[in-house]
Amino acid sequence: TDRYEIRELAGRGGMGAVYRALDRQAGSDVAIKVVSATEPSDLARFDREARVLMRLSHRYVVGCRDRGVTDDGRPFLVLDWLEGETLADRLGAGLPNVPEALILAGRVARALGHAHEQGVVHRDLKPSNVVVVETAADGGSLPVASNVKLVDLGLALARNANRVTIEGQIIGTPSY
């Protein structure tokens, strides 16, 4: 679509790629997640992620702005662009102090609580699926680095959704 101008590849994963792009209509950067997988189960998971994200609207969950299909038939999602680092990267640099750890955990819990109220279970919660977002102001006295966004709901399961996972199949990150 002409609305988005791809600027750079931001990352690759098992299901596809994420690009940093300009939303010409909004005048801001966005993340565009494009599926490269062609397996019906992968496409079903991506569709489920899109539907889950469209129904979740919370300050600690990445926002989904749009969805569509590329000219060559690959589904995509348009998500908020997040400046920051994953919690995994942050923890690799050192542990937060106790007050910041409590704030981070509380915000992740609020995001999960919102998802659960909407009948959604994340199923792959781990530090690499939490982005610590750097913002100019947090609107209060909390440390700036304590703003978080829950991301990657590709394995999320909504109440009454069709299951894609085969019984006995291990999904997510069992060590978490």
Protein backbone atom coordinates (compact mmCIF):
# COMPACT_ATOMS: atom_id res chain seq x y z
CA THR A 1 0.00 0.00 0.00
CA ASP A 2 1.17 3.54 -0.71
CA ARG A 3 0.38 4.61 2.85
CA TYR A 4 3.61 3.04 4.20
CA GLU A 5 7.18 3.74 3.13
CA ILE A 6 9.57 0.96 4.16
CA ARG A 7 12.73 2.46 5.64
CA GLU A 8 14.77 -0.51 6.89
CA LEU A 9 14.71 -4.12 7.96
CA ALA A 10 14.46 -4.14 11.76
CA GLY A 11 14.64 -7.90 12.33
CA ARG A 12 13.84 -11.41 11.15
CA GLY A 13 12.18 -14.30 12.90
CA GLY A 14 10.85 -17.74 12.12
CA MET A 15 7.57 -16.42 10.73
CA GLY A 16 8.83 -13.45 8.74
CA ALA A 17 10.38 -10.01 9.00
CA VAL A 18 9.75 -6.72 10.75
CA TYR A 19 10.42 -3.45 8.97
CA ARG A 20 10.63 0.11 10.20
CA ALA A 21 8.41 2.23 7.99
CA LEU A 22 6.89 5.67 7.75
CA ASP A 23 3.11 5.90 8.01
CA ARG A 24 2.59 8.75 5.54
CA GLN A 25 -0.94 9.38 6.75
CA ALA A 26 -0.03 9.66 10.45
CA GLY A 27 3.44 11.10 9.85
CA SER A 28 5.09 8.69 12.29
CA ASP A 29 7.23 5.57 12.26
CA VAL A 30 5.56 2.17 12.51
CA ALA A 31 6.69 -1.45 12.59
CA ILE A 32 5.40 -3.62 9.76
CA LYS A 33 5.44 -7.33 10.49
CA VAL A 34 5.26 -9.35 7.25
CA VAL A 35 4.74 -13.11 7.11
CA SER A 36 7.10 -15.12 4.94
CA ALA A 37 5.90 -18.52 6.17
CA THR A 38 3.48 -20.33 3.91
CA GLU A 39 2.31 -23.20 6.12
CA PRO A 40 -1.44 -22.99 6.81
CA SER A 41 -0.80 -23.28 10.58
CA ASP A 42 1.66 -20.35 10.47
CA LEU A 43 -0.81 -18.23 8.52
CA ALA A 44 -3.55 -19.15 10.99
CA ARG A 45 -1.30 -18.11 13.91
CA PHE A 46 -0.54 -14.80 12.24
CA ASP A 47 -4.23 -14.17 11.64
CA ARG A 48 -4.96 -15.01 15.26
CA GLU A 49 -2.22 -12.62 16.41
CA ALA A 50 -3.78 -9.86 14.31
CA ARG A 51 -7.25 -10.48 15.75
CA VAL A 52 -5.88 -10.61 19.30
CA LEU A 53 -3.91 -7.38 18.91
CA MET A 54 -6.87 -5.59 17.35
CA ARG A 55 -8.97 -6.37 20.42
CA LEU A 56 -6.31 -5.43 22.99
CA SER A 57 -5.93 -1.74 23.64
CA HIS A 58 -3.75 -1.02 26.64
CA ARG A 59 -0.86 1.31 27.35
CA TYR A 60 1.42 -1.63 28.18
CA VAL A 61 0.58 -3.73 25.08
CA VAL A 62 2.02 -2.85 21.66
CA GLY A 63 -0.64 -1.16 19.56
CA CYS A 64 -1.85 -2.62 16.28
CA ARG A 65 -2.82 0.09 13.81
CA ASP A 66 -3.65 -1.78 10.64
CA ARG A 67 -3.44 -5.07 8.79
CA GLY A 68 -3.45 -6.06 5.17
CA VAL A 69 -1.88 -8.11 2.42
CA THR A 70 1.19 -7.17 0.36
CA ASP A 71 1.04 -7.01 -3.43
CA ASP A 72 2.56 -10.50 -3.53
CA GLY A 73 -0.10 -11.92 -1.18
CA ARG A 74 1.71 -11.97 2.18
CA PRO A 75 -0.26 -10.83 5.24
CA PHE A 76 1.14 -7.98 7.31
CA LEU A 77 0.44 -6.13 10.55
CA VAL A 78 1.20 -2.48 11.25
CA LEU A 79 2.27 -1.99 14.86
CA ASP A 80 3.49 0.92 16.94
CA TRP A 81 7.21 1.52 16.46
CA LEU A 82 8.91 1.05 19.83
CA GLU A 83 12.16 2.80 20.72
CA GLY A 84 13.93 0.91 23.45
CA GLU A 85 15.28 -2.53 24.16
CA THR A 86 13.91 -5.88 25.18
CA LEU A 87 13.80 -6.69 28.84
CA ALA A 88 16.17 -9.58 28.02
CA ASP A 89 18.76 -7.08 26.72
CA ARG A 90 18.21 -4.81 29.70
CA LEU A 91 18.69 -7.70 32.14
CA GLY A 92 21.84 -8.73 30.27
CA ALA A 93 23.33 -5.35 31.14
CA GLY A 94 22.49 -5.76 34.83
CA LEU A 95 19.61 -6.22 37.18
CA PRO A 96 17.28 -3.30 37.90
CA ASN A 97 17.07 -1.90 41.39
CA VAL A 98 14.18 -3.12 43.53
CA PRO A 99 11.83 -0.14 42.93
CA GLU A 100 12.30 -0.33 39.16
CA ALA A 101 11.87 -4.13 39.17
CA LEU A 102 8.58 -3.74 41.02
CA ILE A 103 7.40 -1.10 38.56
CA LEU A 104 8.36 -3.26 35.57
CA ALA A 105 6.67 -6.35 37.01
CA GLY A 106 3.56 -4.35 37.91
CA ARG A 107 3.23 -2.98 34.40
CA VAL A 108 3.69 -6.38 32.79
CA ALA A 109 1.07 -7.74 35.21
CA ARG A 110 -1.34 -4.95 34.21
CA ALA A 111 -0.84 -5.80 30.52
CA LEU A 112 -1.46 -9.49 31.21
CA GLY A 113 -4.46 -8.66 33.40
CA HIS A 114 -5.98 -6.63 30.57
CA ALA A 115 -5.36 -9.48 28.13
CA HIS A 116 -6.94 -11.99 30.53
CA GLU A 117 -9.98 -9.73 30.98
CA GLN A 118 -10.36 -9.86 27.19
CA GLY A 119 -10.10 -13.65 27.25
CA VAL A 120 -6.54 -13.75 25.88
CA VAL A 121 -3.60 -15.77 27.22
CA HIS A 122 -0.15 -14.74 25.91
CA ARG A 123 1.45 -18.24 26.15
CA ASP A 124 5.00 -17.02 25.46
CA LEU A 125 5.78 -14.51 28.19
CA LYS A 126 9.54 -14.05 28.54
CA PRO A 127 11.95 -11.11 28.81
CA SER A 128 12.50 -10.92 25.04
CA ASN A 129 8.75 -10.36 24.56
CA VAL A 130 8.71 -7.29 26.80
CA VAL A 131 10.14 -4.06 25.39
CA VAL A 132 11.39 -1.42 27.80
CA VAL A 133 10.39 1.76 26.00
CA GLU A 134 12.34 4.93 26.37
CA THR A 135 10.05 7.94 26.50
CA ALA A 136 10.67 11.62 27.07
CA ALA A 137 8.20 11.73 29.93
CA ASP A 138 6.31 9.09 31.83
CA GLY A 139 3.61 11.42 33.11
CA GLY A 140 4.66 10.94 36.71
CA SER A 141 7.60 10.41 38.99
CA LEU A 142 8.41 6.87 37.84
CA PRO A 143 11.76 6.18 36.16
CA VAL A 144 11.58 6.73 32.41
CA ALA A 145 13.00 3.26 31.71
CA SER A 146 10.09 1.63 33.50
CA ASN A 147 7.66 2.07 30.60
CA VAL A 148 7.01 -1.33 29.01
CA LYS A 149 5.16 -2.87 26.08
CA LEU A 150 4.14 -6.50 25.86
CA VAL A 151 4.89 -7.75 22.33
CA ASP A 152 4.80 -10.88 20.16
CA LEU A 153 1.36 -12.34 20.66
CA GLY A 154 1.89 -14.87 17.87
CA LEU A 155 1.18 -17.76 20.24
CA ALA A 156 -1.60 -16.01 22.16
CA LEU A 157 -4.85 -17.86 22.51
CA ALA A 158 -8.18 -16.11 22.75
CA ARG A 159 -11.16 -17.68 24.45
CA ASN A 160 -13.20 -19.78 22.00
CA ALA A 161 -10.52 -19.50 19.29
CA ASN A 162 -9.69 -22.40 17.02
CA ARG A 163 -6.54 -24.14 18.24
CA VAL A 164 -3.67 -24.40 15.80
CA THR A 165 -1.38 -26.29 18.16
CA ILE A 166 -1.31 -30.06 17.88
CA GLU A 167 -1.97 -31.90 21.13
CA GLY A 168 1.36 -32.70 22.79
CA GLN A 169 3.23 -30.11 20.71
CA ILE A 170 5.50 -27.80 22.72
CA ILE A 171 5.06 -24.12 21.93
CA GLY A 172 6.56 -20.95 23.31
CA THR A 173 9.57 -21.09 25.57
CA PRO A 174 9.10 -23.89 28.12
CA SER A 175 11.97 -22.65 30.31
CA TYR A 176 9.78 -19.66 31.19
